[in-house]
Amino acid sequence: MKFTKMQGCGNDYVYVNGFEEKIDGDQKPQLVRRLSDRHFGIGGDGVIFINPSDVADCEMEMYNADGSRSEMCGNGIRCVAKYVYDKGLVNTTEFTIVSAGQLKYMKLTVENGVTTRVRVNMGSPILEPAQIPVTVEGDAAIDTPIEVQGHEYRMTCVSMGNPHAVIFADHVAEMELEKIGPDFENHIYFPRRTNTEFVEVLDRSTVFMRVWERGTGETLACGTGCCATAVACILNGKTEDKVTVRVLGGEIEIEWDRENNVVYMTGPAETVFEGTVEI
């Protein structure tokens, strides 16, 4: 099977061209776990299959490293956009990608025929607890208490197609995410688990974020997590409507157009290498 390794701000996945490679659906979770393994496989935060679609220019079928499905990946969808343009599967710099039934709109920056940056219309943030989902009372979970390992944190919950809990904290770089991340991910409040962002506000337009992704662990970046972080910052009055989110793997620019209730994400997408693997 042919594959392409790609990354956006260090959030790396193995990409498989589903237009050409036909993999039985029942085999995919086990295959994903094997390919994602950083010691015995190719290595990555998961696997993304790029498939034909009747409702968009292509479909993104995303799996976490543990073989579980995920609805959306912001860094992943930028890499899918780069892949289909650079490989000639689309011939315009503005097109659509569908993931788990969600249609997203791409706008590419191309230099010498190669995609360097992608701006994604990520749609409207979801704040209703039942739709995120998070089992708390009220119309939204904004600055809501959550107890983890005997300590009370304050969370703001947002779905950008997948669930996020944003925690504001000091000294985020020093936090031991490997110790607390799993307890946030699997907390009783989150019936479908959650991604958790730990965020330190640097100024009115810049924040630093680390992320614990459900099904994967800490990653160098999370595009939907950056979107959720920006929304949470704005809802809590911590930043303006345009936010640069610094992550371990780089920077992602987020803008929440509140008049139209649309979040835009802009960031890099890069090809690391290509190859073939026995399956």
C-alpha atoms as a PDB file:
ATOM      1  CA  MET A   1       0.000   0.000   0.000  1.00  0.00           C
ATOM      2  CA  LYS A   2       1.268   3.470  -0.888  1.00  0.00           C
ATOM      3  CA  PHE A   3       1.193   6.146   1.804  1.00  0.00           C
ATOM      4  CA  THR A   4       2.251   9.736   2.416  1.00  0.00           C
ATOM      5  CA  LYS A   5       3.456  11.047   5.778  1.00  0.00           C
ATOM      6  CA  MET A   6       2.337  14.653   6.355  1.00  0.00           C
ATOM      7  CA  GLN A   7       2.291  17.095   9.246  1.00  0.00           C
ATOM      8  CA  GLY A   8       0.760  20.408  10.241  1.00  0.00           C
ATOM      9  CA  CYS A   9       2.663  22.114  13.081  1.00  0.00           C
ATOM     10  CA  GLY A  10       4.015  18.696  14.078  1.00  0.00           C
ATOM     11  CA  ASN A  11       0.572  17.032  14.234  1.00  0.00           C
ATOM     12  CA  ASP A  12       1.526  14.137  11.954  1.00  0.00           C
ATOM     13  CA  TYR A  13      -0.589  11.490  10.256  1.00  0.00           C
ATOM     14  CA  VAL A  14      -0.179   8.733   7.718  1.00  0.00           C
ATOM     15  CA  TYR A  15      -2.287   9.572   4.645  1.00  0.00           C
ATOM     16  CA  VAL A  16      -3.708   6.921   2.329  1.00  0.00           C
ATOM     17  CA  ASN A  17      -5.204   7.687  -1.073  1.00  0.00           C
ATOM     18  CA  GLY A  18      -8.599   5.978  -0.970  1.00  0.00           C
ATOM     19  CA  PHE A  19      -9.147   6.814  -4.633  1.00  0.00           C
ATOM     20  CA  GLU A  20      -6.543   4.134  -5.386  1.00  0.00           C
ATOM     21  CA  GLU A  21      -6.083   1.989  -2.258  1.00  0.00           C
ATOM     22  CA  LYS A  22      -9.096  -0.122  -1.235  1.00  0.00           C
ATOM     23  CA  ILE A  23      -8.987  -1.255   2.395  1.00  0.00           C
ATOM     24  CA  ASP A  24     -11.810  -3.203   4.029  1.00  0.00           C
ATOM     25  CA  GLY A  25     -13.442  -1.131   6.761  1.00  0.00           C
ATOM     26  CA  ASP A  26     -13.175  -3.907   9.339  1.00  0.00           C
ATOM     27  CA  GLN A  27      -9.412  -4.035   8.844  1.00  0.00           C
ATOM     28  CA  LYS A  28      -8.821  -0.315   9.309  1.00  0.00           C
ATOM     29  CA  PRO A  29      -8.658  -0.024  13.138  1.00  0.00           C
ATOM     30  CA  GLN A  30      -5.986  -2.710  13.435  1.00  0.00           C
ATOM     31  CA  LEU A  31      -4.114  -1.326  10.419  1.00  0.00           C
ATOM     32  CA  VAL A  32      -4.238   2.173  11.920  1.00  0.00           C
ATOM     33  CA  ARG A  33      -2.757   0.983  15.216  1.00  0.00           C
ATOM     34  CA  ARG A  34       0.078  -0.771  13.403  1.00  0.00           C
ATOM     35  CA  LEU A  35       0.881   2.107  11.050  1.00  0.00           C
ATOM     36  CA  SER A  36       0.710   4.723  13.829  1.00  0.00           C
ATOM     37  CA  ASP A  37       3.180   2.914  16.074  1.00  0.00           C
ATOM     38  CA  ARG A  38       6.322   5.054  16.258  1.00  0.00           C
ATOM     39  CA  HIS A  39       8.603   2.095  16.988  1.00  0.00           C
ATOM     40  CA  PHE A  40       7.243  -0.735  14.833  1.00  0.00           C
ATOM     41  CA  GLY A  41       5.206   1.161  12.230  1.00  0.00           C
ATOM     42  CA  ILE A  42       5.490   4.320  10.169  1.00  0.00           C
ATOM     43  CA  GLY A  43       4.639   6.505  13.155  1.00  0.00           C
ATOM     44  CA  GLY A  44       2.023   9.190  13.554  1.00  0.00           C
ATOM     45  CA  ASP A  45      -0.856  10.590  15.563  1.00  0.00           C
ATOM     46  CA  GLY A  46      -3.195   8.452  13.469  1.00  0.00           C
ATOM     47  CA  VAL A  47      -4.157   7.583   9.901  1.00  0.00           C
ATOM     48  CA  ILE A  48      -6.309   9.569   7.478  1.00  0.00           C
ATOM     49  CA  PHE A  49      -7.878   8.011   4.391  1.00  0.00           C
ATOM     50  CA  ILE A  50      -8.622  10.413   1.511  1.00  0.00           C
ATOM     51  CA  ASN A  51     -11.707   9.075  -0.263  1.00  0.00           C
ATOM     52  CA  PRO A  52     -14.043  10.017  -3.129  1.00  0.00           C
ATOM     53  CA  SER A  53     -17.223  11.834  -2.100  1.00  0.00           C
ATOM     54  CA  ASP A  54     -20.618  12.550  -3.637  1.00  0.00           C
ATOM     55  CA  VAL A  55     -21.103  15.734  -1.588  1.00  0.00           C
ATOM     56  CA  ALA A  56     -17.615  17.311  -1.643  1.00  0.00           C
ATOM     57  CA  ASP A  57     -14.404  17.238  -3.660  1.00  0.00           C
ATOM     58  CA  CYS A  58     -13.161  14.484  -1.344  1.00  0.00           C
ATOM     59  CA  GLU A  59     -13.786  12.853   2.028  1.00  0.00           C
ATOM     60  CA  MET A  60     -11.446  12.798   5.034  1.00  0.00           C
ATOM     61  CA  GLU A  61     -11.833   9.537   6.999  1.00  0.00           C
ATOM     62  CA  MET A  62      -9.837  10.050  10.179  1.00  0.00           C
ATOM     63  CA  TYR A  63      -8.611   7.554  12.787  1.00  0.00           C
ATOM     64  CA  ASN A  64      -6.775   8.222  16.050  1.00  0.00           C
ATOM     65  CA  ALA A  65      -3.602   6.285  16.829  1.00  0.00           C
ATOM     66  CA  ASP A  66      -5.556   3.816  18.992  1.00  0.00           C
ATOM     67  CA  GLY A  67      -7.738   2.864  16.008  1.00  0.00           C
ATOM     68  CA  SER A  68     -10.810   4.827  17.111  1.00  0.00           C
ATOM     69  CA  ARG A  69     -12.624   7.110  14.674  1.00  0.00           C
ATOM     70  CA  SER A  70     -12.619  10.861  15.090  1.00  0.00           C
ATOM     71  CA  GLU A  71     -14.963  13.354  13.489  1.00  0.00           C
ATOM     72  CA  MET A  72     -12.572  16.171  12.630  1.00  0.00           C
ATOM     73  CA  CYS A  73      -8.907  17.184  12.651  1.00  0.00           C
ATOM     74  CA  GLY A  74      -7.921  20.742  11.816  1.00  0.00           C
ATOM     75  CA  ASN A  75      -4.275  20.000  11.034  1.00  0.00           C
ATOM     76  CA  GLY A  76      -5.314  16.851   9.222  1.00  0.00           C
ATOM     77  CA  ILE A  77      -7.807  18.590   6.960  1.00  0.00           C
ATOM     78  CA  ARG A  78      -5.195  21.160   5.925  1.00  0.00           C
ATOM     79  CA  CYS A  79      -2.878  18.312   4.932  1.00  0.00           C
ATOM     80  CA  VAL A  80      -5.696  16.609   3.006  1.00  0.00           C
ATOM     81  CA  ALA A  81      -6.246  19.888   1.161  1.00  0.00           C
ATOM     82  CA  LYS A  82      -2.562  20.076   0.270  1.00  0.00           C
ATOM     83  CA  TYR A  83      -2.517  16.438  -0.804  1.00  0.00           C
ATOM     84  CA  VAL A  84      -5.457  16.619  -3.204  1.00  0.00           C
ATOM     85  CA  TYR A  85      -4.252  19.864  -4.781  1.00  0.00           C
ATOM     86  CA  ASP A  86      -0.578  18.944  -5.067  1.00  0.00           C
ATOM     87  CA  LYS A  87      -1.490  15.500  -6.450  1.00  0.00           C
ATOM     88  CA  GLY A  88      -3.892  16.978  -9.012  1.00  0.00           C
ATOM     89  CA  LEU A  89      -7.059  15.448  -7.540  1.00  0.00           C
ATOM     90  CA  VAL A  90      -8.537  18.969  -7.582  1.00  0.00           C
ATOM     91  CA  ASN A  91      -7.584  21.774  -9.944  1.00  0.00           C
ATOM     92  CA  THR A  92      -8.709  24.837  -8.002  1.00  0.00           C
ATOM     93  CA  THR A  93      -7.392  26.508  -4.858  1.00  0.00           C
ATOM     94  CA  GLU A  94     -10.873  26.736  -3.322  1.00  0.00           C
ATOM     95  CA  PHE A  95     -12.827  23.520  -2.734  1.00  0.00           C
ATOM     96  CA  THR A  96     -14.647  21.409  -0.141  1.00  0.00           C
ATOM     97  CA  ILE A  97     -13.772  18.425   2.043  1.00  0.00           C
ATOM     98  CA  VAL A  98     -16.301  16.406   4.041  1.00  0.00           C
ATOM     99  CA  SER A  99     -15.445  14.620   7.300  1.00  0.00           C
ATOM    100  CA  ALA A 100     -18.022  12.646   9.313  1.00  0.00           C
ATOM    101  CA  GLY A 101     -20.776  14.454   7.440  1.00  0.00           C
ATOM    102  CA  GLN A 102     -19.332  17.923   8.078  1.00  0.00           C
ATOM    103  CA  LEU A 103     -18.554  20.026   5.017  1.00  0.00           C
ATOM    104  CA  LYS A 104     -15.521  22.326   5.279  1.00  0.00           C
ATOM    105  CA  TYR A 105     -14.320  24.969   2.829  1.00  0.00           C
ATOM    106  CA  MET A 106     -10.642  25.294   1.847  1.00  0.00           C
ATOM    107  CA  LYS A 107      -8.691  28.258   0.504  1.00  0.00           C
ATOM    108  CA  LEU A 108      -5.076  27.496  -0.413  1.00  0.00           C
ATOM    109  CA  THR A 109      -1.922  29.577  -0.642  1.00  0.00           C
ATOM    110  CA  VAL A 110       0.156  28.078  -3.458  1.00  0.00           C
ATOM    111  CA  GLU A 111       3.771  28.884  -4.318  1.00  0.00           C
ATOM    112  CA  ASN A 112       5.381  27.441  -7.464  1.00  0.00           C
ATOM    113  CA  GLY A 113       2.555  24.920  -7.774  1.00  0.00           C
ATOM    114  CA  VAL A 114       2.904  23.645  -4.198  1.00  0.00           C
ATOM    115  CA  THR A 115       0.518  24.345  -1.318  1.00  0.00           C
ATOM    116  CA  THR A 116       2.199  26.101   1.623  1.00  0.00           C
ATOM    117  CA  ARG A 117      -0.722  27.293   3.785  1.00  0.00           C
ATOM    118  CA  VAL A 118      -4.404  26.506   4.032  1.00  0.00           C
ATOM    119  CA  ARG A 119      -7.269  28.630   5.364  1.00  0.00           C
ATOM    120  CA  VAL A 120     -10.223  26.556   6.489  1.00  0.00           C
ATOM    121  CA  ASN A 121     -13.757  27.717   7.165  1.00  0.00           C
ATOM    122  CA  MET A 122     -14.357  25.520  10.207  1.00  0.00           C
ATOM    123  CA  GLY A 123     -18.012  26.502  10.590  1.00  0.00           C
ATOM    124  CA  SER A 124     -19.761  27.542  13.788  1.00  0.00           C
ATOM    125  CA  PRO A 125     -18.566  26.525  17.250  1.00  0.00           C
ATOM    126  CA  ILE A 126     -21.018  24.360  19.170  1.00  0.00           C
ATOM    127  CA  LEU A 127     -21.588  25.448  22.761  1.00  0.00           C
ATOM    128  CA  GLU A 128     -24.703  23.496  23.753  1.00  0.00           C
ATOM    129  CA  PRO A 129     -23.566  20.874  26.291  1.00  0.00           C
ATOM    130  CA  ALA A 130     -25.712  18.047  24.874  1.00  0.00           C
ATOM    131  CA  GLN A 131     -24.238  18.538  21.402  1.00  0.00           C
ATOM    132  CA  ILE A 132     -20.578  18.701  22.471  1.00  0.00           C
ATOM    133  CA  PRO A 133     -21.291  16.384  24.445  1.00  0.00           C
ATOM    134  CA  VAL A 134     -20.600  17.268  28.088  1.00  0.00           C
ATOM    135  CA  THR A 135     -22.982  16.386  30.889  1.00  0.00           C
ATOM    136  CA  VAL A 136     -23.256  19.666  32.787  1.00  0.00           C
ATOM    137  CA  GLU A 137     -26.276  21.839  33.525  1.00  0.00           C
ATOM    138  CA  GLY A 138     -27.103  25.036  31.668  1.00  0.00           C
ATOM    139  CA  ASP A 139     -27.061  26.379  28.119  1.00  0.00           C
ATOM    140  CA  ALA A 140     -23.241  26.391  27.888  1.00  0.00           C
ATOM    141  CA  ALA A 141     -20.206  25.198  29.835  1.00  0.00           C
ATOM    142  CA  ILE A 142     -18.235  28.430  30.216  1.00  0.00           C
ATOM    143  CA  ASP A 143     -15.816  28.697  33.165  1.00  0.00           C
ATOM    144  CA  THR A 144     -17.450  25.577  34.618  1.00  0.00           C
ATOM    145  CA  PRO A 145     -15.789  23.684  37.500  1.00  0.00           C
ATOM    146  CA  ILE A 146     -14.413  20.186  36.973  1.00  0.00           C
ATOM    147  CA  GLU A 147     -12.556  18.119  39.543  1.00  0.00           C
ATOM    148  CA  VAL A 148      -9.646  15.966  38.418  1.00  0.00           C
ATOM    149  CA  GLN A 149      -7.374  14.102  40.820  1.00  0.00           C
ATOM    150  CA  GLY A 150      -8.789  16.070  43.737  1.00  0.00           C
ATOM    151  CA  HIS A 151      -8.070  19.474  42.184  1.00  0.00           C
ATOM    152  CA  GLU A 152     -10.731  21.851  40.862  1.00  0.00           C
ATOM    153  CA  TYR A 153     -10.132  23.308  37.401  1.00  0.00           C
ATOM    154  CA  ARG A 154     -12.338  25.654  35.377  1.00  0.00           C
ATOM    155  CA  MET A 155     -13.254  24.480  31.883  1.00  0.00           C
ATOM    156  CA  THR A 156     -14.926  25.987  28.838  1.00  0.00           C
ATOM    157  CA  CYS A 157     -16.340  23.319  26.530  1.00  0.00           C
ATOM    158  CA  VAL A 158     -16.603  23.749  22.761  1.00  0.00           C
ATOM    159  CA  SER A 159     -17.206  21.385  19.880  1.00  0.00           C
ATOM    160  CA  MET A 160     -15.597  22.148  16.539  1.00  0.00           C
ATOM    161  CA  GLY A 161     -16.954  18.886  15.165  1.00  0.00           C
ATOM    162  CA  ASN A 162     -15.273  17.037  18.035  1.00  0.00           C
ATOM    163  CA  PRO A 163     -15.385  17.735  21.790  1.00  0.00           C
ATOM    164  CA  HIS A 164     -12.921  20.028  23.567  1.00  0.00           C
ATOM    165  CA  ALA A 165     -12.456  21.160  27.155  1.00  0.00           C
ATOM    166  CA  VAL A 166     -10.316  24.289  27.450  1.00  0.00           C
ATOM    167  CA  ILE A 167      -8.511  24.831  30.763  1.00  0.00           C
ATOM    168  CA  PHE A 168      -6.808  28.173  31.490  1.00  0.00           C
ATOM    169  CA  ALA A 169      -3.688  27.830  33.620  1.00  0.00           C
ATOM    170  CA  ASP A 170      -0.329  29.335  34.466  1.00  0.00           C
ATOM    171  CA  HIS A 171       3.036  27.709  33.696  1.00  0.00           C
ATOM    172  CA  VAL A 172       1.479  25.435  31.062  1.00  0.00           C
ATOM    173  CA  ALA A 173       4.901  24.421  29.731  1.00  0.00           C
ATOM    174  CA  GLU A 174       5.661  22.786  33.085  1.00  0.00           C
ATOM    175  CA  MET A 175       2.421  20.827  33.440  1.00  0.00           C
ATOM    176  CA  GLU A 176       2.656  17.021  33.542  1.00  0.00           C
ATOM    177  CA  LEU A 177       0.026  16.254  30.916  1.00  0.00           C
ATOM    178  CA  GLU A 178       0.860  12.568  30.822  1.00  0.00           C
ATOM    179  CA  LYS A 179      -0.332  12.325  34.429  1.00  0.00           C
ATOM    180  CA  ILE A 180      -3.533  14.379  34.258  1.00  0.00           C
ATOM    181  CA  GLY A 181      -4.477  14.130  30.568  1.00  0.00           C
ATOM    182  CA  PRO A 182      -6.015  10.638  30.703  1.00  0.00           C
ATOM    183  CA  ASP A 183      -8.260  11.615  33.628  1.00  0.00           C
ATOM    184  CA  PHE A 184      -9.599  14.605  31.709  1.00  0.00           C
ATOM    185  CA  GLU A 185     -10.067  12.533  28.548  1.00  0.00           C
ATOM    186  CA  ASN A 186     -12.059   9.842  30.354  1.00  0.00           C
ATOM    187  CA  HIS A 187     -13.861  12.037  32.903  1.00  0.00           C
ATOM    188  CA  ILE A 188     -17.476  11.087  33.627  1.00  0.00           C
ATOM    189  CA  TYR A 189     -18.587  14.472  32.246  1.00  0.00           C
ATOM    190  CA  PHE A 190     -17.601  13.396  28.712  1.00  0.00           C
ATOM    191  CA  PRO A 191     -19.650  10.462  27.358  1.00  0.00           C
ATOM    192  CA  ARG A 192     -17.537  10.336  24.172  1.00  0.00           C
ATOM    193  CA  ARG A 193     -14.281  11.302  25.888  1.00  0.00           C
ATOM    194  CA  THR A 194     -12.739  14.693  25.153  1.00  0.00           C
ATOM    195  CA  ASN A 195      -9.700  16.540  23.883  1.00  0.00           C
ATOM    196  CA  THR A 196      -8.280  18.832  26.557  1.00  0.00           C
ATOM    197  CA  GLU A 197      -6.428  22.091  25.905  1.00  0.00           C
ATOM    198  CA  PHE A 198      -4.289  23.677  28.619  1.00  0.00           C
ATOM    199  CA  VAL A 199      -3.941  27.358  27.757  1.00  0.00           C
ATOM    200  CA  GLU A 200      -1.777  30.208  29.018  1.00  0.00           C
ATOM    201  CA  VAL A 201      -2.791  33.679  27.832  1.00  0.00           C
ATOM    202  CA  LEU A 202       0.298  35.698  26.812  1.00  0.00           C
ATOM    203  CA  ASP A 203      -1.465  38.876  25.640  1.00  0.00           C
ATOM    204  CA  ARG A 204      -4.724  39.993  24.010  1.00  0.00           C
ATOM    205  CA  SER A 205      -3.822  38.344  20.705  1.00  0.00           C
ATOM    206  CA  THR A 206      -1.496  35.459  21.639  1.00  0.00           C
ATOM    207  CA  VAL A 207      -1.814  32.311  23.728  1.00  0.00           C
ATOM    208  CA  PHE A 208       0.286  29.214  24.365  1.00  0.00           C
ATOM    209  CA  MET A 209      -1.484  25.858  24.273  1.00  0.00           C
ATOM    210  CA  ARG A 210      -0.679  22.237  24.985  1.00  0.00           C
ATOM    211  CA  VAL A 211      -3.183  19.552  24.114  1.00  0.00           C
ATOM    212  CA  TRP A 212      -4.076  16.054  25.264  1.00  0.00           C
ATOM    213  CA  GLU A 213      -5.957  14.390  22.392  1.00  0.00           C
ATOM    214  CA  ARG A 214      -8.400  11.586  23.037  1.00  0.00           C
ATOM    215  CA  GLY A 215      -7.170   8.303  21.644  1.00  0.00           C
ATOM    216  CA  THR A 216      -3.644   9.600  21.049  1.00  0.00           C
ATOM    217  CA  GLY A 217      -2.177  11.489  24.036  1.00  0.00           C
ATOM    218  CA  GLU A 218      -0.225  14.725  23.900  1.00  0.00           C
ATOM    219  CA  THR A 219       0.409  15.956  20.372  1.00  0.00           C
ATOM    220  CA  LEU A 220       2.471  18.860  19.052  1.00  0.00           C
ATOM    221  CA  ALA A 221      -0.640  20.613  17.746  1.00  0.00           C
ATOM    222  CA  CYS A 222      -4.397  20.277  17.337  1.00  0.00           C
ATOM    223  CA  GLY A 223      -6.184  22.425  14.779  1.00  0.00           C
ATOM    224  CA  THR A 224      -9.700  22.013  16.161  1.00  0.00           C
ATOM    225  CA  GLY A 225      -8.194  22.484  19.621  1.00  0.00           C
ATOM    226  CA  CYS A 226      -6.744  25.821  18.518  1.00  0.00           C
ATOM    227  CA  CYS A 227     -10.193  26.821  17.248  1.00  0.00           C
ATOM    228  CA  ALA A 228     -11.829  25.778  20.519  1.00  0.00           C
ATOM    229  CA  THR A 229      -9.107  27.597  22.464  1.00  0.00           C
ATOM    230  CA  ALA A 230      -9.706  30.853  20.581  1.00  0.00           C
ATOM    231  CA  VAL A 231     -13.471  30.587  21.088  1.00  0.00           C
ATOM    232  CA  ALA A 232     -12.968  29.909  24.805  1.00  0.00           C
ATOM    233  CA  CYS A 233     -10.570  32.867  25.116  1.00  0.00           C
ATOM    234  CA  ILE A 234     -13.077  35.203  23.498  1.00  0.00           C
ATOM    235  CA  LEU A 235     -16.030  33.904  25.524  1.00  0.00           C
ATOM    236  CA  ASN A 236     -14.080  34.480  28.730  1.00  0.00           C
ATOM    237  CA  GLY A 237     -12.957  37.958  27.679  1.00  0.00           C
ATOM    238  CA  LYS A 238      -9.273  37.046  27.565  1.00  0.00           C
ATOM    239  CA  THR A 239      -8.415  37.962  23.938  1.00  0.00           C
ATOM    240  CA  GLU A 240      -9.652  39.789  20.874  1.00  0.00           C
ATOM    241  CA  ASP A 241     -11.430  37.953  18.045  1.00  0.00           C
ATOM    242  CA  LYS A 242      -8.175  37.126  16.213  1.00  0.00           C
ATOM    243  CA  VAL A 243      -5.803  34.865  18.132  1.00  0.00           C
ATOM    244  CA  THR A 244      -2.399  33.387  17.346  1.00  0.00           C
ATOM    245  CA  VAL A 245      -2.223  30.036  19.107  1.00  0.00           C
ATOM    246  CA  ARG A 246       1.329  28.898  19.813  1.00  0.00           C
ATOM    247  CA  VAL A 247       1.646  25.135  20.091  1.00  0.00           C
ATOM    248  CA  LEU A 248       4.661  22.893  20.554  1.00  0.00           C
ATOM    249  CA  GLY A 249       4.936  22.453  16.776  1.00  0.00           C
ATOM    250  CA  GLY A 250       4.436  26.026  15.595  1.00  0.00           C
ATOM    251  CA  GLU A 251       1.687  28.632  15.305  1.00  0.00           C
ATOM    252  CA  ILE A 252      -1.890  28.544  14.016  1.00  0.00           C
ATOM    253  CA  GLU A 253      -3.974  31.650  13.356  1.00  0.00           C
ATOM    254  CA  ILE A 254      -7.618  31.603  14.417  1.00  0.00           C
ATOM    255  CA  GLU A 255     -10.333  34.190  13.761  1.00  0.00           C
ATOM    256  CA  TRP A 256     -13.888  33.988  15.091  1.00  0.00           C
ATOM    257  CA  ASP A 257     -16.179  36.077  12.889  1.00  0.00           C
ATOM    258  CA  ARG A 258     -18.852  36.510  15.513  1.00  0.00           C
ATOM    259  CA  GLU A 259     -21.230  38.438  13.260  1.00  0.00           C
ATOM    260  CA  ASN A 260     -21.531  35.391  10.992  1.00  0.00           C
ATOM    261  CA  ASN A 261     -20.560  32.914  13.739  1.00  0.00           C
ATOM    262  CA  VAL A 262     -17.818  31.301  11.672  1.00  0.00           C
ATOM    263  CA  VAL A 263     -14.345  30.238  12.821  1.00  0.00           C
ATOM    264  CA  TYR A 264     -11.442  30.439  10.353  1.00  0.00           C
ATOM    265  CA  MET A 265      -8.208  28.511  10.861  1.00  0.00           C
ATOM    266  CA  THR A 266      -5.020  29.264   8.910  1.00  0.00           C
ATOM    267  CA  GLY A 267      -1.833  27.256   9.158  1.00  0.00           C
ATOM    268  CA  PRO A 268       0.879  25.278   7.374  1.00  0.00           C
ATOM    269  CA  ALA A 269       0.758  21.813   5.812  1.00  0.00           C
ATOM    270  CA  GLU A 270       3.866  19.873   4.826  1.00  0.00           C
ATOM    271  CA  THR A 271       4.741  16.541   3.246  1.00  0.00           C
ATOM    272  CA  VAL A 272       7.374  14.628   5.218  1.00  0.00           C
ATOM    273  CA  PHE A 273       7.963  11.566   2.998  1.00  0.00           C
ATOM    274  CA  GLU A 274       6.235   8.957   0.875  1.00  0.00           C
ATOM    275  CA  GLY A 275       6.589   5.199   0.669  1.00  0.00           C
ATOM    276  CA  THR A 276       4.958   1.782   0.515  1.00  0.00           C
ATOM    277  CA  VAL A 277       4.129  -0.639   3.298  1.00  0.00           C
ATOM    278  CA  GLU A 278       2.987  -4.250   3.455  1.00  0.00           C
ATOM    279  CA  ILE A 279      -0.544  -4.674   4.827  1.00  0.00           C
END
